Amino acid sequence: MLKSQLIHPDILQALASSGHFSQVLIADGNYPVATGTNPLAKRVHLNLRPGLVSCLDVLEVLLTAIPVQEATVMAPPSDFHPEIHDDYKRLLGPDVSWSEMERWAFYDKIKSPNTSLVIATGEQRRFANLLLTIGVVKLPTENF
């Protein structure tokens, strides 16, 4: 039995085989997981029903297991502000770089060989897809 927050075996396996600069997509319920991802990426389906499991639920647990150096989202239309982006920034903290990308560039980034894990959620909010770039685990004596 594991004592850590993250206990999903497929997610643990995918993260253990990922490294610095590997990407993890937390996909909302509208994302085309079957056709819009790196075909070699591990796919984990947590989309039990609409609204369950949420992207925030997944992010909270992932942050207990991996260092994140960058977070990327799809840029919303100029007249729409997704509140979930504020929630992401709050959970990620000020040290995680934040960027927004145009829709098709975002899809291309997810299809790259760097994407090692895709987690499908039941998230219903628009523009909730979150692409994380894994950082480096620093030794206690390192300060960079």
N, C-alpha and C. Protein backbone atom coordinates (compact mmCIF):
# COMPACT_ATOMS: atom_id res chain seq x y z
N MET A 1 0.84 -1.18 0.00
CA MET A 1 0.00 0.00 0.00
C MET A 1 0.88 1.24 0.00
N LEU A 2 0.49 2.24 -0.78
CA LEU A 2 1.24 3.48 -0.87
C LEU A 2 0.73 4.51 0.13
N LYS A 3 1.64 5.33 0.64
CA LYS A 3 1.28 6.38 1.57
C LYS A 3 1.20 7.74 0.90
N SER A 4 1.60 7.82 -0.36
CA SER A 4 1.60 9.12 -1.05
C SER A 4 0.19 9.47 -1.51
N GLN A 5 0.02 10.73 -1.90
CA GLN A 5 -1.27 11.19 -2.40
C GLN A 5 -1.63 10.53 -3.74
N LEU A 6 -0.64 10.32 -4.57
CA LEU A 6 -0.87 9.74 -5.89
C LEU A 6 -0.72 8.23 -5.80
N ILE A 7 -1.80 7.49 -6.09
CA ILE A 7 -1.75 6.03 -6.01
C ILE A 7 -2.19 5.34 -7.30
N HIS A 8 -2.56 6.11 -8.33
CA HIS A 8 -3.02 5.51 -9.58
C HIS A 8 -1.83 4.83 -10.28
N PRO A 9 -1.89 3.52 -10.49
CA PRO A 9 -0.71 2.80 -11.01
C PRO A 9 -0.27 3.25 -12.40
N ASP A 10 -1.20 3.51 -13.30
CA ASP A 10 -0.80 3.92 -14.66
C ASP A 10 -0.19 5.31 -14.68
N ILE A 11 -0.71 6.20 -13.86
CA ILE A 11 -0.14 7.55 -13.79
C ILE A 11 1.26 7.49 -13.16
N LEU A 12 1.40 6.72 -12.11
CA LEU A 12 2.71 6.57 -11.48
C LEU A 12 3.73 6.01 -12.46
N GLN A 13 3.35 5.00 -13.22
CA GLN A 13 4.26 4.39 -14.19
C GLN A 13 4.68 5.40 -15.25
N ALA A 14 3.72 6.16 -15.76
CA ALA A 14 4.02 7.14 -16.80
C ALA A 14 4.93 8.25 -16.27
N LEU A 15 4.67 8.72 -15.07
CA LEU A 15 5.51 9.77 -14.50
C LEU A 15 6.91 9.26 -14.19
N ALA A 16 7.01 8.02 -13.73
CA ALA A 16 8.31 7.45 -13.41
C ALA A 16 9.17 7.29 -14.66
N SER A 17 8.54 7.12 -15.81
CA SER A 17 9.32 6.97 -17.04
C SER A 17 9.47 8.29 -17.80
N SER A 18 8.94 9.36 -17.25
CA SER A 18 9.09 10.69 -17.83
C SER A 18 10.30 11.37 -17.19
N GLY A 19 10.69 12.47 -17.75
CA GLY A 19 11.82 13.21 -17.19
C GLY A 19 11.68 14.69 -17.43
N HIS A 20 12.76 15.41 -17.20
CA HIS A 20 12.79 16.85 -17.38
C HIS A 20 12.36 17.21 -18.80
N PHE A 21 11.47 18.14 -18.92
CA PHE A 21 10.88 18.63 -20.17
C PHE A 21 9.80 17.71 -20.74
N SER A 22 9.52 16.57 -20.10
CA SER A 22 8.36 15.78 -20.53
C SER A 22 7.11 16.58 -20.23
N GLN A 23 6.07 16.32 -21.00
CA GLN A 23 4.83 17.07 -20.86
C GLN A 23 3.70 16.14 -20.42
N VAL A 24 2.82 16.69 -19.57
CA VAL A 24 1.65 15.98 -19.08
C VAL A 24 0.44 16.85 -19.40
N LEU A 25 -0.51 16.29 -20.12
CA LEU A 25 -1.74 17.01 -20.42
C LEU A 25 -2.84 16.56 -19.48
N ILE A 26 -3.44 17.52 -18.79
CA ILE A 26 -4.67 17.28 -18.07
C ILE A 26 -5.77 17.79 -18.99
N ALA A 27 -6.51 16.86 -19.60
CA ALA A 27 -7.46 17.20 -20.65
C ALA A 27 -8.87 17.37 -20.10
N ASP A 28 -9.55 18.41 -20.55
CA ASP A 28 -10.94 18.58 -20.14
C ASP A 28 -11.83 17.63 -20.94
N GLY A 29 -13.11 17.61 -20.62
CA GLY A 29 -14.04 16.67 -21.23
C GLY A 29 -14.29 16.90 -22.70
N ASN A 30 -13.84 18.01 -23.25
CA ASN A 30 -14.04 18.30 -24.67
C ASN A 30 -12.82 17.96 -25.52
N TYR A 31 -11.69 17.64 -24.89
CA TYR A 31 -10.46 17.44 -25.65
C TYR A 31 -10.49 16.12 -26.42
N PRO A 32 -10.05 16.12 -27.70
CA PRO A 32 -10.05 14.89 -28.50
C PRO A 32 -8.85 13.98 -28.15
N VAL A 33 -8.95 13.29 -27.03
CA VAL A 33 -7.84 12.48 -26.53
C VAL A 33 -7.42 11.41 -27.55
N ALA A 34 -8.37 10.80 -28.24
CA ALA A 34 -8.04 9.71 -29.17
C ALA A 34 -7.25 10.18 -30.37
N THR A 35 -7.48 11.41 -30.82
CA THR A 35 -6.84 11.88 -32.06
C THR A 35 -5.93 13.08 -31.87
N GLY A 36 -5.94 13.73 -30.73
CA GLY A 36 -5.21 14.97 -30.56
C GLY A 36 -4.01 14.88 -29.65
N THR A 37 -3.40 13.69 -29.55
CA THR A 37 -2.26 13.54 -28.66
C THR A 37 -1.14 12.76 -29.32
N ASN A 38 0.03 12.80 -28.70
CA ASN A 38 1.15 11.99 -29.13
C ASN A 38 0.72 10.51 -29.05
N PRO A 39 0.80 9.75 -30.14
CA PRO A 39 0.34 8.36 -30.09
C PRO A 39 1.14 7.48 -29.13
N LEU A 40 2.34 7.90 -28.74
CA LEU A 40 3.14 7.11 -27.80
C LEU A 40 2.87 7.48 -26.34
N ALA A 41 2.11 8.54 -26.12
CA ALA A 41 1.83 8.96 -24.75
C ALA A 41 0.90 7.97 -24.06
N LYS A 42 1.12 7.77 -22.78
CA LYS A 42 0.22 6.95 -21.97
C LYS A 42 -1.07 7.73 -21.80
N ARG A 43 -2.20 7.08 -22.05
CA ARG A 43 -3.51 7.71 -21.87
C ARG A 43 -4.19 7.09 -20.65
N VAL A 44 -4.66 7.93 -19.77
CA VAL A 44 -5.38 7.49 -18.58
C VAL A 44 -6.74 8.17 -18.60
N HIS A 45 -7.79 7.38 -18.55
CA HIS A 45 -9.15 7.91 -18.61
C HIS A 45 -9.74 7.96 -17.21
N LEU A 46 -9.87 9.18 -16.70
CA LEU A 46 -10.51 9.41 -15.40
C LEU A 46 -11.86 10.10 -15.57
N ASN A 47 -12.33 10.15 -16.80
CA ASN A 47 -13.59 10.84 -17.10
C ASN A 47 -14.77 9.89 -16.82
N LEU A 48 -15.09 9.76 -15.54
CA LEU A 48 -16.14 8.85 -15.09
C LEU A 48 -17.53 9.33 -15.51
N ARG A 49 -17.77 10.62 -15.36
CA ARG A 49 -19.03 11.26 -15.77
C ARG A 49 -18.76 12.74 -15.91
N PRO A 50 -19.64 13.48 -16.57
CA PRO A 50 -19.42 14.93 -16.67
C PRO A 50 -19.23 15.55 -15.28
N GLY A 51 -18.14 16.29 -15.14
CA GLY A 51 -17.83 16.94 -13.87
C GLY A 51 -16.96 16.13 -12.92
N LEU A 52 -16.79 14.87 -13.22
CA LEU A 52 -16.01 14.00 -12.33
C LEU A 52 -15.06 13.16 -13.17
N VAL A 53 -13.89 13.19 -12.97
CA VAL A 53 -12.98 13.87 -12.08
C VAL A 53 -12.63 15.21 -12.71
N SER A 54 -12.40 16.24 -11.90
CA SER A 54 -12.11 17.57 -12.45
C SER A 54 -10.62 17.74 -12.72
N CYS A 55 -10.30 18.71 -13.56
CA CYS A 55 -8.89 19.04 -13.84
C CYS A 55 -8.18 19.49 -12.58
N LEU A 56 -8.87 20.24 -11.72
CA LEU A 56 -8.24 20.71 -10.48
C LEU A 56 -7.93 19.54 -9.55
N ASP A 57 -8.81 18.54 -9.50
CA ASP A 57 -8.54 17.35 -8.68
C ASP A 57 -7.24 16.69 -9.13
N VAL A 58 -7.09 16.53 -10.43
CA VAL A 58 -5.90 15.88 -10.98
C VAL A 58 -4.66 16.73 -10.72
N LEU A 59 -4.74 18.03 -10.97
CA LEU A 59 -3.59 18.90 -10.75
C LEU A 59 -3.13 18.85 -9.30
N GLU A 60 -4.05 18.92 -8.35
CA GLU A 60 -3.68 18.90 -6.94
C GLU A 60 -2.85 17.67 -6.59
N VAL A 61 -3.25 16.52 -7.12
CA VAL A 61 -2.52 15.29 -6.80
C VAL A 61 -1.19 15.23 -7.56
N LEU A 62 -1.18 15.64 -8.82
CA LEU A 62 0.07 15.62 -9.58
C LEU A 62 1.14 16.49 -8.91
N LEU A 63 0.73 17.60 -8.35
CA LEU A 63 1.69 18.51 -7.72
C LEU A 63 2.35 17.90 -6.49
N THR A 64 1.77 16.83 -5.94
CA THR A 64 2.41 16.14 -4.82
C THR A 64 3.48 15.18 -5.31
N ALA A 65 3.51 14.91 -6.62
CA ALA A 65 4.40 13.88 -7.16
C ALA A 65 5.50 14.40 -8.08
N ILE A 66 5.27 15.51 -8.76
CA ILE A 66 6.25 15.99 -9.74
C ILE A 66 6.52 17.48 -9.57
N PRO A 67 7.74 17.90 -9.93
CA PRO A 67 8.00 19.34 -10.01
C PRO A 67 7.50 19.85 -11.36
N VAL A 68 6.86 20.99 -11.35
CA VAL A 68 6.35 21.58 -12.59
C VAL A 68 7.11 22.87 -12.83
N GLN A 69 7.67 23.03 -14.04
CA GLN A 69 8.39 24.26 -14.34
C GLN A 69 7.60 25.19 -15.23
N GLU A 70 6.65 24.64 -15.99
CA GLU A 70 5.87 25.48 -16.89
C GLU A 70 4.46 24.92 -17.05
N ALA A 71 3.50 25.82 -17.19
CA ALA A 71 2.12 25.44 -17.47
C ALA A 71 1.66 26.22 -18.70
N THR A 72 1.00 25.50 -19.61
CA THR A 72 0.54 26.12 -20.85
C THR A 72 -0.94 25.81 -21.03
N VAL A 73 -1.68 26.82 -21.43
CA VAL A 73 -3.10 26.66 -21.73
C VAL A 73 -3.39 27.21 -23.12
N MET A 74 -4.55 26.84 -23.63
CA MET A 74 -5.01 27.39 -24.90
C MET A 74 -5.56 28.80 -24.64
N ALA A 75 -5.14 29.76 -25.45
CA ALA A 75 -5.61 31.13 -25.28
C ALA A 75 -7.10 31.21 -25.57
N PRO A 76 -7.88 31.74 -24.64
CA PRO A 76 -9.31 31.89 -24.88
C PRO A 76 -9.59 33.11 -25.75
N PRO A 77 -10.81 33.24 -26.25
CA PRO A 77 -11.18 34.46 -26.97
C PRO A 77 -10.99 35.68 -26.06
N SER A 78 -10.73 36.83 -26.65
CA SER A 78 -10.42 38.03 -25.87
C SER A 78 -11.57 38.46 -24.95
N ASP A 79 -12.80 38.05 -25.26
CA ASP A 79 -13.94 38.46 -24.43
C ASP A 79 -14.33 37.40 -23.40
N PHE A 80 -13.47 36.41 -23.18
CA PHE A 80 -13.78 35.33 -22.24
C PHE A 80 -12.59 35.09 -21.31
N HIS A 81 -12.84 35.09 -20.01
CA HIS A 81 -11.79 34.81 -19.03
C HIS A 81 -12.15 33.54 -18.26
N PRO A 82 -11.46 32.42 -18.55
CA PRO A 82 -11.76 31.18 -17.82
C PRO A 82 -11.29 31.27 -16.37
N GLU A 83 -12.21 31.21 -15.44
CA GLU A 83 -11.85 31.29 -14.02
C GLU A 83 -10.92 30.16 -13.60
N ILE A 84 -11.02 29.03 -14.30
CA ILE A 84 -10.16 27.90 -13.93
C ILE A 84 -8.68 28.25 -14.11
N HIS A 85 -8.37 29.17 -15.01
CA HIS A 85 -6.97 29.58 -15.18
C HIS A 85 -6.45 30.25 -13.90
N ASP A 86 -7.30 31.02 -13.24
CA ASP A 86 -6.91 31.63 -11.96
C ASP A 86 -6.68 30.56 -10.91
N ASP A 87 -7.52 29.52 -10.91
CA ASP A 87 -7.35 28.42 -9.96
C ASP A 87 -6.04 27.68 -10.22
N TYR A 88 -5.72 27.46 -11.49
CA TYR A 88 -4.46 26.81 -11.83
C TYR A 88 -3.27 27.63 -11.32
N LYS A 89 -3.29 28.92 -11.59
CA LYS A 89 -2.18 29.77 -11.17
C LYS A 89 -2.01 29.76 -9.65
N ARG A 90 -3.13 29.76 -8.94
CA ARG A 90 -3.08 29.72 -7.48
C ARG A 90 -2.43 28.42 -7.00
N LEU A 91 -2.83 27.28 -7.58
CA LEU A 91 -2.27 25.99 -7.17
C LEU A 91 -0.79 25.85 -7.58
N LEU A 92 -0.46 26.33 -8.76
CA LEU A 92 0.90 26.19 -9.28
C LEU A 92 1.89 27.08 -8.56
N GLY A 93 1.45 28.24 -8.12
CA GLY A 93 2.33 29.16 -7.41
C GLY A 93 3.11 30.06 -8.36
N PRO A 94 3.79 31.03 -7.80
CA PRO A 94 4.47 32.05 -8.61
C PRO A 94 5.73 31.58 -9.31
N ASP A 95 6.29 30.45 -8.90
CA ASP A 95 7.54 29.99 -9.50
C ASP A 95 7.35 29.19 -10.79
N VAL A 96 6.10 28.87 -11.12
CA VAL A 96 5.82 28.11 -12.34
C VAL A 96 5.53 29.09 -13.47
N SER A 97 6.27 28.96 -14.55
CA SER A 97 6.07 29.81 -15.72
C SER A 97 4.70 29.52 -16.34
N TRP A 98 4.01 30.57 -16.79
CA TRP A 98 2.65 30.44 -17.34
C TRP A 98 2.64 30.98 -18.76
N SER A 99 2.04 30.23 -19.69
CA SER A 99 1.92 30.75 -21.05
C SER A 99 0.60 30.31 -21.66
N GLU A 100 0.16 31.11 -22.63
CA GLU A 100 -1.04 30.80 -23.40
C GLU A 100 -0.63 30.68 -24.86
N MET A 101 -1.25 29.73 -25.56
CA MET A 101 -0.93 29.50 -26.97
C MET A 101 -2.20 29.51 -27.79
N GLU A 102 -2.05 29.91 -29.03
CA GLU A 102 -3.14 29.84 -30.00
C GLU A 102 -3.58 28.37 -30.12
N ARG A 103 -4.86 28.14 -30.38
CA ARG A 103 -5.46 26.81 -30.37
C ARG A 103 -4.67 25.76 -31.14
N TRP A 104 -4.37 26.03 -32.40
CA TRP A 104 -3.74 24.99 -33.23
C TRP A 104 -2.29 24.76 -32.85
N ALA A 105 -1.61 25.79 -32.39
CA ALA A 105 -0.25 25.62 -31.89
C ALA A 105 -0.26 24.79 -30.59
N PHE A 106 -1.28 25.02 -29.77
CA PHE A 106 -1.44 24.24 -28.54
C PHE A 106 -1.64 22.76 -28.87
N TYR A 107 -2.52 22.47 -29.83
CA TYR A 107 -2.74 21.08 -30.25
C TYR A 107 -1.44 20.46 -30.77
N ASP A 108 -0.70 21.20 -31.57
CA ASP A 108 0.57 20.68 -32.10
C ASP A 108 1.57 20.39 -30.98
N LYS A 109 1.61 21.26 -29.98
CA LYS A 109 2.52 21.05 -28.85
C LYS A 109 2.17 19.75 -28.11
N ILE A 110 0.90 19.48 -27.96
CA ILE A 110 0.46 18.26 -27.28
C ILE A 110 0.80 17.02 -28.10
N LYS A 111 0.75 17.14 -29.41
CA LYS A 111 1.06 15.99 -30.28
C LYS A 111 2.56 15.71 -30.37
N SER A 112 3.39 16.56 -29.79
CA SER A 112 4.84 16.38 -29.89
C SER A 112 5.28 15.15 -29.12
N PRO A 113 6.46 14.61 -29.46
CA PRO A 113 6.99 13.45 -28.74
C PRO A 113 7.27 13.72 -27.26
N ASN A 114 7.32 14.98 -26.85
CA ASN A 114 7.57 15.30 -25.45
C ASN A 114 6.39 14.99 -24.54
N THR A 115 5.20 14.85 -25.10
CA THR A 115 4.04 14.55 -24.28
C THR A 115 4.05 13.06 -23.93
N SER A 116 4.25 12.77 -22.65
CA SER A 116 4.38 11.39 -22.20
C SER A 116 3.14 10.86 -21.51
N LEU A 117 2.25 11.74 -21.07
CA LEU A 117 1.06 11.33 -20.33
C LEU A 117 -0.10 12.26 -20.64
N VAL A 118 -1.26 11.66 -20.91
CA VAL A 118 -2.49 12.41 -21.14
C VAL A 118 -3.53 11.85 -20.18
N ILE A 119 -4.10 12.73 -19.36
CA ILE A 119 -5.11 12.32 -18.39
C ILE A 119 -6.43 12.95 -18.80
N ALA A 120 -7.38 12.12 -19.22
CA ALA A 120 -8.71 12.60 -19.60
C ALA A 120 -9.56 12.75 -18.34
N THR A 121 -10.18 13.91 -18.21
CA THR A 121 -11.04 14.17 -17.06
C THR A 121 -12.48 14.41 -17.51
N GLY A 122 -13.35 14.54 -16.56
CA GLY A 122 -14.74 14.88 -16.84
C GLY A 122 -15.01 16.37 -16.72
N GLU A 123 -13.93 17.17 -16.71
CA GLU A 123 -14.05 18.62 -16.55
C GLU A 123 -14.94 19.20 -17.64
N GLN A 124 -15.92 20.01 -17.27
CA GLN A 124 -16.85 20.59 -18.22
C GLN A 124 -16.58 22.05 -18.55
N ARG A 125 -15.74 22.72 -17.76
CA ARG A 125 -15.47 24.13 -18.05
C ARG A 125 -14.65 24.26 -19.32
N ARG A 126 -14.96 25.29 -20.09
CA ARG A 126 -14.25 25.55 -21.35
C ARG A 126 -12.84 26.05 -21.07
N PHE A 127 -11.93 25.74 -21.98
CA PHE A 127 -10.53 26.16 -21.91
C PHE A 127 -9.85 25.68 -20.63
N ALA A 128 -10.18 24.47 -20.22
CA ALA A 128 -9.61 23.91 -18.99
C ALA A 128 -8.41 23.00 -19.25
N ASN A 129 -8.08 22.73 -20.52
CA ASN A 129 -6.92 21.89 -20.81
C ASN A 129 -5.67 22.55 -20.25
N LEU A 130 -4.84 21.74 -19.59
CA LEU A 130 -3.63 22.25 -18.96
C LEU A 130 -2.46 21.35 -19.32
N LEU A 131 -1.45 21.92 -19.96
CA LEU A 131 -0.25 21.18 -20.33
C LEU A 131 0.87 21.57 -19.38
N LEU A 132 1.37 20.58 -18.65
CA LEU A 132 2.43 20.80 -17.68
C LEU A 132 3.75 20.32 -18.24
N THR A 133 4.80 21.07 -18.00
CA THR A 133 6.15 20.65 -18.34
C THR A 133 6.84 20.27 -17.04
N ILE A 134 7.33 19.04 -16.99
CA ILE A 134 7.97 18.54 -15.78
C ILE A 134 9.34 19.22 -15.60
N GLY A 135 9.60 19.61 -14.38
CA GLY A 135 10.87 20.25 -14.05
C GLY A 135 11.88 19.25 -13.50
N VAL A 136 12.81 19.76 -12.76
CA VAL A 136 13.91 18.97 -12.20
C VAL A 136 13.71 18.83 -10.69
N VAL A 137 13.98 17.65 -10.18
CA VAL A 137 13.99 17.45 -8.74
C VAL A 137 15.34 17.94 -8.23
N LYS A 138 15.32 18.97 -7.41
CA LYS A 138 16.55 19.57 -6.91
C LYS A 138 16.99 18.89 -5.62
N LEU A 139 18.29 18.77 -5.47
CA LEU A 139 18.84 18.27 -4.22
C LEU A 139 18.67 19.33 -3.15
N PRO A 140 18.57 18.93 -1.88
CA PRO A 140 18.39 19.93 -0.81
C PRO A 140 19.48 21.00 -0.79
N THR A 141 20.65 20.67 -1.29
CA THR A 141 21.77 21.63 -1.25
C THR A 141 21.82 22.53 -2.47
N GLU A 142 20.97 22.28 -3.46
CA GLU A 142 20.98 23.09 -4.69
C GLU A 142 20.07 24.28 -4.54
N ASN A 143 20.52 25.40 -5.09
CA ASN A 143 19.73 26.63 -5.01
C ASN A 143 19.76 27.32 -6.36
N PHE A 144 19.01 26.80 -7.34
CA PHE A 144 18.91 27.44 -8.65
C PHE A 144 17.53 27.28 -9.21
